[in-house]
PDB file of N, CA and C in Angstrom:
ATOM      1  N   MET A   1      92.042  85.755  67.467  1.00  0.00           N
ATOM      2  CA  MET A   1      92.355  84.405  67.023  1.00  0.00           C
ATOM      3  C   MET A   1      91.850  84.257  65.593  1.00  0.00           C
ATOM      4  N   LYS A   2      92.756  83.878  64.698  1.00  0.00           N
ATOM      5  CA  LYS A   2      92.384  83.664  63.302  1.00  0.00           C
ATOM      6  C   LYS A   2      91.821  82.249  63.151  1.00  0.00           C
ATOM      7  N   THR A   3      90.762  82.121  62.368  1.00  0.00           N
ATOM      8  CA  THR A   3      90.122  80.818  62.161  1.00  0.00           C
ATOM      9  C   THR A   3      89.746  80.637  60.696  1.00  0.00           C
ATOM     10  N   THR A   4      89.568  79.373  60.308  1.00  0.00           N
ATOM     11  CA  THR A   4      89.099  79.066  58.952  1.00  0.00           C
ATOM     12  C   THR A   4      87.575  79.037  58.934  1.00  0.00           C
ATOM     13  N   LYS A   5      87.025  79.097  57.740  1.00  0.00           N
ATOM     14  CA  LYS A   5      85.569  78.991  57.583  1.00  0.00           C
ATOM     15  C   LYS A   5      85.103  77.619  58.091  1.00  0.00           C
ATOM     16  N   TYR A   6      85.890  76.580  57.822  1.00  0.00           N
ATOM     17  CA  TYR A   6      85.556  75.241  58.293  1.00  0.00           C
ATOM     18  C   TYR A   6      85.410  75.229  59.817  1.00  0.00           C
ATOM     19  N   PHE A   7      86.363  75.836  60.520  1.00  0.00           N
ATOM     20  CA  PHE A   7      86.313  75.868  61.977  1.00  0.00           C
ATOM     21  C   PHE A   7      85.055  76.588  62.455  1.00  0.00           C
ATOM     22  N   ARG A   8      84.764  77.722  61.862  1.00  0.00           N
ATOM     23  CA  ARG A   8      83.584  78.486  62.283  1.00  0.00           C
ATOM     24  C   ARG A   8      82.303  77.688  62.068  1.00  0.00           C
ATOM     25  N   THR A   9      82.259  76.888  61.017  1.00  0.00           N
ATOM     26  CA  THR A   9      81.090  76.050  60.739  1.00  0.00           C
ATOM     27  C   THR A   9      81.005  74.877  61.717  1.00  0.00           C
ATOM     28  N   ILE A  10      82.093  74.159  61.893  1.00  0.00           N
ATOM     29  CA  ILE A  10      82.092  72.952  62.741  1.00  0.00           C
ATOM     30  C   ILE A  10      81.891  73.306  64.211  1.00  0.00           C
ATOM     31  N   ARG A  11      82.271  74.506  64.600  1.00  0.00           N
ATOM     32  CA  ARG A  11      82.141  74.915  65.996  1.00  0.00           C
ATOM     33  C   ARG A  11      80.682  75.066  66.419  1.00  0.00           C
ATOM     34  N   LYS A  12      79.780  75.109  65.493  1.00  0.00           N
ATOM     35  CA  LYS A  12      78.353  75.231  65.811  1.00  0.00           C
ATOM     36  C   LYS A  12      77.770  73.917  66.321  1.00  0.00           C
ATOM     37  N   ARG A  13      78.490  72.808  66.133  1.00  0.00           N
ATOM     38  CA  ARG A  13      78.016  71.517  66.627  1.00  0.00           C
ATOM     39  C   ARG A  13      77.963  71.538  68.153  1.00  0.00           C
ATOM     40  N   PRO A  14      76.976  70.864  68.751  1.00  0.00           N
ATOM     41  CA  PRO A  14      76.847  70.869  70.219  1.00  0.00           C
ATOM     42  C   PRO A  14      78.096  70.379  70.959  1.00  0.00           C
ATOM     43  N   ASP A  15      78.790  69.390  70.400  1.00  0.00           N
ATOM     44  CA  ASP A  15      79.974  68.864  71.078  1.00  0.00           C
ATOM     45  C   ASP A  15      81.197  69.768  70.928  1.00  0.00           C
ATOM     46  N   ARG A  16      81.112  70.781  70.077  1.00  0.00           N
ATOM     47  CA  ARG A  16      82.228  71.696  69.871  1.00  0.00           C
ATOM     48  C   ARG A  16      81.953  73.106  70.398  1.00  0.00           C
ATOM     49  N   SER A  17      80.686  73.463  70.518  1.00  0.00           N
ATOM     50  CA  SER A  17      80.323  74.836  70.891  1.00  0.00           C
ATOM     51  C   SER A  17      80.756  75.198  72.312  1.00  0.00           C
ATOM     52  N   MET A  18      80.962  74.204  73.159  1.00  0.00           N
ATOM     53  CA  MET A  18      81.343  74.472  74.544  1.00  0.00           C
ATOM     54  C   MET A  18      82.844  74.678  74.732  1.00  0.00           C
ATOM     55  N   ILE A  19      83.622  74.531  73.664  1.00  0.00           N
ATOM     56  CA  ILE A  19      85.072  74.730  73.749  1.00  0.00           C
ATOM     57  C   ILE A  19      85.346  76.237  73.758  1.00  0.00           C
ATOM     58  N   LYS A  20      85.972  76.693  74.821  1.00  0.00           N
ATOM     59  CA  LYS A  20      86.227  78.121  74.995  1.00  0.00           C
ATOM     60  C   LYS A  20      87.462  78.565  74.208  1.00  0.00           C
ATOM     61  N   ASP A  21      87.400  79.806  73.714  1.00  0.00           N
ATOM     62  CA  ASP A  21      88.543  80.381  73.002  1.00  0.00           C
ATOM     63  C   ASP A  21      89.801  80.347  73.865  1.00  0.00           C
ATOM     64  N   GLU A  22      89.656  80.611  75.143  1.00  0.00           N
ATOM     65  CA  GLU A  22      90.827  80.641  76.029  1.00  0.00           C
ATOM     66  C   GLU A  22      91.499  79.275  76.102  1.00  0.00           C
ATOM     67  N   TRP A  23      90.718  78.197  76.017  1.00  0.00           N
ATOM     68  CA  TRP A  23      91.300  76.850  76.026  1.00  0.00           C
ATOM     69  C   TRP A  23      92.085  76.604  74.736  1.00  0.00           C
ATOM     70  N   ILE A  24      91.524  77.053  73.628  1.00  0.00           N
ATOM     71  CA  ILE A  24      92.208  76.902  72.341  1.00  0.00           C
ATOM     72  C   ILE A  24      93.525  77.666  72.371  1.00  0.00           C
ATOM     73  N   GLU A  25      93.481  78.900  72.847  1.00  0.00           N
ATOM     74  CA  GLU A  25      94.695  79.714  72.922  1.00  0.00           C
ATOM     75  C   GLU A  25      95.723  79.101  73.865  1.00  0.00           C
ATOM     76  N   GLN A  26      95.262  78.515  74.953  1.00  0.00           N
ATOM     77  CA  GLN A  26      96.161  77.839  75.902  1.00  0.00           C
ATOM     78  C   GLN A  26      96.892  76.691  75.211  1.00  0.00           C
ATOM     79  N   ALA A  27      96.154  75.877  74.464  1.00  0.00           N
ATOM     80  CA  ALA A  27      96.762  74.736  73.763  1.00  0.00           C
ATOM     81  C   ALA A  27      97.709  75.213  72.657  1.00  0.00           C
ATOM     82  N   MET A  28      97.384  76.338  72.045  1.00  0.00           N
ATOM     83  CA  MET A  28      98.247  76.891  70.992  1.00  0.00           C
ATOM     84  C   MET A  28      99.566  77.414  71.563  1.00  0.00           C
ATOM     85  N   LYS A  29      99.490  78.127  72.679  1.00  0.00           N
ATOM     86  CA  LYS A  29     100.661  78.806  73.227  1.00  0.00           C
ATOM     87  C   LYS A  29     101.552  77.925  74.087  1.00  0.00           C
ATOM     88  N   ALA A  30     100.957  76.957  74.781  1.00  0.00           N
ATOM     89  CA  ALA A  30     101.733  76.101  75.684  1.00  0.00           C
ATOM     90  C   ALA A  30     101.304  74.649  75.533  1.00  0.00           C
ATOM     91  N   PRO A  31     101.520  74.067  74.350  1.00  0.00           N
ATOM     92  CA  PRO A  31     101.091  72.675  74.144  1.00  0.00           C
ATOM     93  C   PRO A  31     101.944  71.688  74.923  1.00  0.00           C
ATOM     94  N   GLU A  32     101.315  70.581  75.285  1.00  0.00           N
ATOM     95  CA  GLU A  32     102.075  69.495  75.919  1.00  0.00           C
ATOM     96  C   GLU A  32     102.752  68.629  74.864  1.00  0.00           C
ATOM     97  N   ARG A  33     102.189  68.649  73.663  1.00  0.00           N
ATOM     98  CA  ARG A  33     102.786  67.907  72.552  1.00  0.00           C
ATOM     99  C   ARG A  33     102.424  68.612  71.262  1.00  0.00           C
ATOM    100  N   GLU A  34     103.311  68.472  70.286  1.00  0.00           N
ATOM    101  CA  GLU A  34     103.078  69.054  68.964  1.00  0.00           C
ATOM    102  C   GLU A  34     103.524  68.069  67.901  1.00  0.00           C
ATOM    103  N   HIS A  35     102.790  68.023  66.796  1.00  0.00           N
ATOM    104  CA  HIS A  35     103.140  67.151  65.677  1.00  0.00           C
ATOM    105  C   HIS A  35     102.807  67.886  64.388  1.00  0.00           C
ATOM    106  N   VAL A  36     103.754  67.908  63.454  1.00  0.00           N
ATOM    107  CA  VAL A  36     103.511  68.518  62.150  1.00  0.00           C
ATOM    108  C   VAL A  36     103.112  67.408  61.190  1.00  0.00           C
ATOM    109  N   GLN A  37     101.946  67.564  60.580  1.00  0.00           N
ATOM    110  CA  GLN A  37     101.428  66.578  59.638  1.00  0.00           C
ATOM    111  C   GLN A  37     102.150  66.711  58.301  1.00  0.00           C
ATOM    112  N   ALA A  38     102.000  65.704  57.450  1.00  0.00           N
ATOM    113  CA  ALA A  38     102.634  65.710  56.129  1.00  0.00           C
ATOM    114  C   ALA A  38     102.175  66.893  55.272  1.00  0.00           C
ATOM    115  N   ASP A  39     100.947  67.356  55.492  1.00  0.00           N
ATOM    116  CA  ASP A  39     100.423  68.483  54.717  1.00  0.00           C
ATOM    117  C   ASP A  39     100.817  69.840  55.295  1.00  0.00           C
ATOM    118  N   GLY A  40     101.622  69.828  56.369  1.00  0.00           N
ATOM    119  CA  GLY A  40     102.101  71.061  56.977  1.00  0.00           C
ATOM    120  C   GLY A  40     101.251  71.580  58.122  1.00  0.00           C
ATOM    121  N   ARG A  41     100.055  71.033  58.270  1.00  0.00           N
ATOM    122  CA  ARG A  41      99.220  71.461  59.398  1.00  0.00           C
ATOM    123  C   ARG A  41      99.857  71.000  60.704  1.00  0.00           C
ATOM    124  N   ILE A  42      99.570  71.738  61.756  1.00  0.00           N
ATOM    125  CA  ILE A  42     100.205  71.502  63.048  1.00  0.00           C
ATOM    126  C   ILE A  42      99.166  71.046  64.062  1.00  0.00           C
ATOM    127  N   ARG A  43      99.428  69.916  64.693  1.00  0.00           N
ATOM    128  CA  ARG A  43      98.567  69.427  65.776  1.00  0.00           C
ATOM    129  C   ARG A  43      99.211  69.812  67.096  1.00  0.00           C
ATOM    130  N   ARG A  44      98.413  70.387  67.982  1.00  0.00           N
ATOM    131  CA  ARG A  44      98.894  70.702  69.329  1.00  0.00           C
ATOM    132  C   ARG A  44      97.857  70.214  70.332  1.00  0.00           C
ATOM    133  N   TRP A  45      98.360  69.619  71.414  1.00  0.00           N
ATOM    134  CA  TRP A  45      97.490  69.124  72.472  1.00  0.00           C
ATOM    135  C   TRP A  45      97.756  69.894  73.752  1.00  0.00           C
ATOM    136  N   GLY A  46      96.685  70.225  74.448  1.00  0.00           N
ATOM    137  CA  GLY A  46      96.811  70.880  75.734  1.00  0.00           C
ATOM    138  C   GLY A  46      95.825  70.286  76.725  1.00  0.00           C
ATOM    139  N   ARG A  47      96.271  70.122  77.955  1.00  0.00           N
ATOM    140  CA  ARG A  47      95.415  69.570  79.017  1.00  0.00           C
ATOM    141  C   ARG A  47      94.551  70.697  79.567  1.00  0.00           C
ATOM    142  N   ILE A  48      93.246  70.440  79.658  1.00  0.00           N
ATOM    143  CA  ILE A  48      92.296  71.441  80.139  1.00  0.00           C
ATOM    144  C   ILE A  48      91.773  70.997  81.506  1.00  0.00           C
ATOM    145  N   ALA A  49      92.284  71.636  82.545  1.00  0.00           N
ATOM    146  CA  ALA A  49      91.932  71.259  83.919  1.00  0.00           C
ATOM    147  C   ALA A  49      90.430  71.393  84.179  1.00  0.00           C
ATOM    148  N   GLU A  50      89.812  72.435  83.626  1.00  0.00           N
ATOM    149  CA  GLU A  50      88.379  72.670  83.846  1.00  0.00           C
ATOM    150  C   GLU A  50      87.495  71.588  83.237  1.00  0.00           C
ATOM    151  N   MET A  51      88.060  70.786  82.366  1.00  0.00           N
ATOM    152  CA  MET A  51      87.308  69.697  81.730  1.00  0.00           C
ATOM    153  C   MET A  51      87.826  68.345  82.216  1.00  0.00           C
ATOM    154  N   GLU A  52      88.067  68.258  83.502  1.00  0.00           N
ATOM    155  CA  GLU A  52      88.504  67.027  84.153  1.00  0.00           C
ATOM    156  C   GLU A  52      89.824  66.502  83.584  1.00  0.00           C
ATOM    157  N   GLY A  53      90.676  67.433  83.143  1.00  0.00           N
ATOM    158  CA  GLY A  53      91.992  67.049  82.645  1.00  0.00           C
ATOM    159  C   GLY A  53      92.002  66.466  81.248  1.00  0.00           C
ATOM    160  N   ARG A  54      90.906  66.590  80.535  1.00  0.00           N
ATOM    161  CA  ARG A  54      90.864  66.077  79.155  1.00  0.00           C
ATOM    162  C   ARG A  54      91.814  66.881  78.279  1.00  0.00           C
ATOM    163  N   TYR A  55      92.233  66.278  77.165  1.00  0.00           N
ATOM    164  CA  TYR A  55      93.171  66.921  76.255  1.00  0.00           C
ATOM    165  C   TYR A  55      92.446  67.474  75.037  1.00  0.00           C
ATOM    166  N   LEU A  56      92.711  68.748  74.779  1.00  0.00           N
ATOM    167  CA  LEU A  56      92.155  69.434  73.625  1.00  0.00           C
ATOM    168  C   LEU A  56      93.181  69.380  72.497  1.00  0.00           C
ATOM    169  N   ARG A  57      92.753  68.883  71.341  1.00  0.00           N
ATOM    170  CA  ARG A  57      93.626  68.887  70.168  1.00  0.00           C
ATOM    171  C   ARG A  57      93.226  70.077  69.312  1.00  0.00           C
ATOM    172  N   VAL A  58      94.206  70.895  68.962  1.00  0.00           N
ATOM    173  CA  VAL A  58      93.985  72.048  68.109  1.00  0.00           C
ATOM    174  C   VAL A  58      94.790  71.828  66.831  1.00  0.00           C
ATOM    175  N   ILE A  59      94.124  71.951  65.685  1.00  0.00           N
ATOM    176  CA  ILE A  59      94.776  71.816  64.393  1.00  0.00           C
ATOM    177  C   ILE A  59      94.954  73.216  63.820  1.00  0.00           C
ATOM    178  N   LEU A  60      96.206  73.556  63.513  1.00  0.00           N
ATOM    179  CA  LEU A  60      96.523  74.864  62.947  1.00  0.00           C
ATOM    180  C   LEU A  60      96.969  74.709  61.497  1.00  0.00           C
ATOM    181  N   LEU A  61      96.735  75.731  60.709  1.00  0.00           N
ATOM    182  CA  LEU A  61      97.268  75.753  59.352  1.00  0.00           C
ATOM    183  C   LEU A  61      98.784  75.922  59.438  1.00  0.00           C
ATOM    184  N   PRO A  62      99.500  75.690  58.344  1.00  0.00           N
ATOM    185  CA  PRO A  62     100.962  75.782  58.390  1.00  0.00           C
ATOM    186  C   PRO A  62     101.513  77.121  58.883  1.00  0.00           C
ATOM    187  N   ASP A  63     100.707  78.180  58.875  1.00  0.00           N
ATOM    188  CA  ASP A  63     101.185  79.477  59.379  1.00  0.00           C
ATOM    189  C   ASP A  63     101.349  79.481  60.902  1.00  0.00           C
ATOM    190  N   GLY A  64     100.823  78.445  61.580  1.00  0.00           N
ATOM    191  CA  GLY A  64     100.956  78.333  63.025  1.00  0.00           C
ATOM    192  C   GLY A  64     100.054  79.263  63.812  1.00  0.00           C
ATOM    193  N   GLU A  65      99.159  79.990  63.139  1.00  0.00           N
ATOM    194  CA  GLU A  65      98.297  80.969  63.796  1.00  0.00           C
ATOM    195  C   GLU A  65      96.811  80.745  63.553  1.00  0.00           C
ATOM    196  N   THR A  66      96.474  80.139  62.425  1.00  0.00           N
ATOM    197  CA  THR A  66      95.075  79.999  62.031  1.00  0.00           C
ATOM    198  C   THR A  66      94.520  78.659  62.488  1.00  0.00           C
ATOM    199  N   VAL A  67      93.451  78.703  63.288  1.00  0.00           N
ATOM    200  CA  VAL A  67      92.826  77.491  63.821  1.00  0.00           C
ATOM    201  C   VAL A  67      91.910  76.887  62.765  1.00  0.00           C
ATOM    202  N   HIS A  68      92.141  75.618  62.460  1.00  0.00           N
ATOM    203  CA  HIS A  68      91.324  74.891  61.492  1.00  0.00           C
ATOM    204  C   HIS A  68      90.333  73.945  62.184  1.00  0.00           C
ATOM    205  N   ASN A  69      90.708  73.439  63.364  1.00  0.00           N
ATOM    206  CA  ASN A  69      89.840  72.508  64.082  1.00  0.00           C
ATOM    207  C   ASN A  69      90.267  72.471  65.551  1.00  0.00           C
ATOM    208  N   ALA A  70      89.338  72.122  66.415  1.00  0.00           N
ATOM    209  CA  ALA A  70      89.638  71.951  67.840  1.00  0.00           C
ATOM    210  C   ALA A  70      88.599  71.009  68.427  1.00  0.00           C
ATOM    211  N   PHE A  71      89.077  70.005  69.148  1.00  0.00           N
ATOM    212  CA  PHE A  71      88.171  69.028  69.757  1.00  0.00           C
ATOM    213  C   PHE A  71      88.892  68.301  70.879  1.00  0.00           C
ATOM    214  N   PHE A  72      88.109  67.715  71.777  1.00  0.00           N
ATOM    215  CA  PHE A  72      88.690  66.920  72.850  1.00  0.00           C
ATOM    216  C   PHE A  72      89.037  65.556  72.284  1.00  0.00           C
ATOM    217  N   ASP A  73      90.298  65.191  72.424  1.00  0.00           N
ATOM    218  CA  ASP A  73      90.855  63.986  71.813  1.00  0.00           C
ATOM    219  C   ASP A  73      90.786  62.833  72.822  1.00  0.00           C
ATOM    220  N   ARG A  74      89.805  61.969  72.645  1.00  0.00           N
ATOM    221  CA  ARG A  74      89.608  60.839  73.575  1.00  0.00           C
ATOM    222  C   ARG A  74      90.728  59.822  73.508  1.00  0.00           C
ATOM    223  N   GLY A  75      91.430  59.751  72.389  1.00  0.00           N
ATOM    224  CA  GLY A  75      92.471  58.753  72.223  1.00  0.00           C
ATOM    225  C   GLY A  75      93.874  59.211  72.569  1.00  0.00           C
ATOM    226  N   PHE A  76      94.035  60.465  72.963  1.00  0.00           N
ATOM    227  CA  PHE A  76      95.368  60.993  73.243  1.00  0.00           C
ATOM    228  C   PHE A  76      95.929  60.423  74.534  1.00  0.00           C
ATOM    229  N   LYS A  77      97.177  59.975  74.460  1.00  0.00           N
ATOM    230  CA  LYS A  77      97.896  59.465  75.637  1.00  0.00           C
ATOM    231  C   LYS A  77      99.119  60.349  75.856  1.00  0.00           C
ATOM    232  N   PRO A  78      99.182  61.028  76.991  1.00  0.00           N
ATOM    233  CA  PRO A  78     100.335  61.925  77.251  1.00  0.00           C
ATOM    234  C   PRO A  78     101.646  61.175  77.420  1.00  0.00           C
TER     235      PRO A  78
END
């Protein structure tokens, strides 16, 4: 999994360190929703059953492969 320096830094936070790579890859490969931002970055949401069905938002660079951010999105409505 390709990542940005920002992602590697932010992932050290306690609220982000528990996010598993497999969950990120799941949201990347089989998102329930996708949105392309004006800057070309791609938002993808995936439901994570192991986390009580919460939705993980993964932000990818325009290449569609490099992870820039990942977090559980409290405001997401499927």
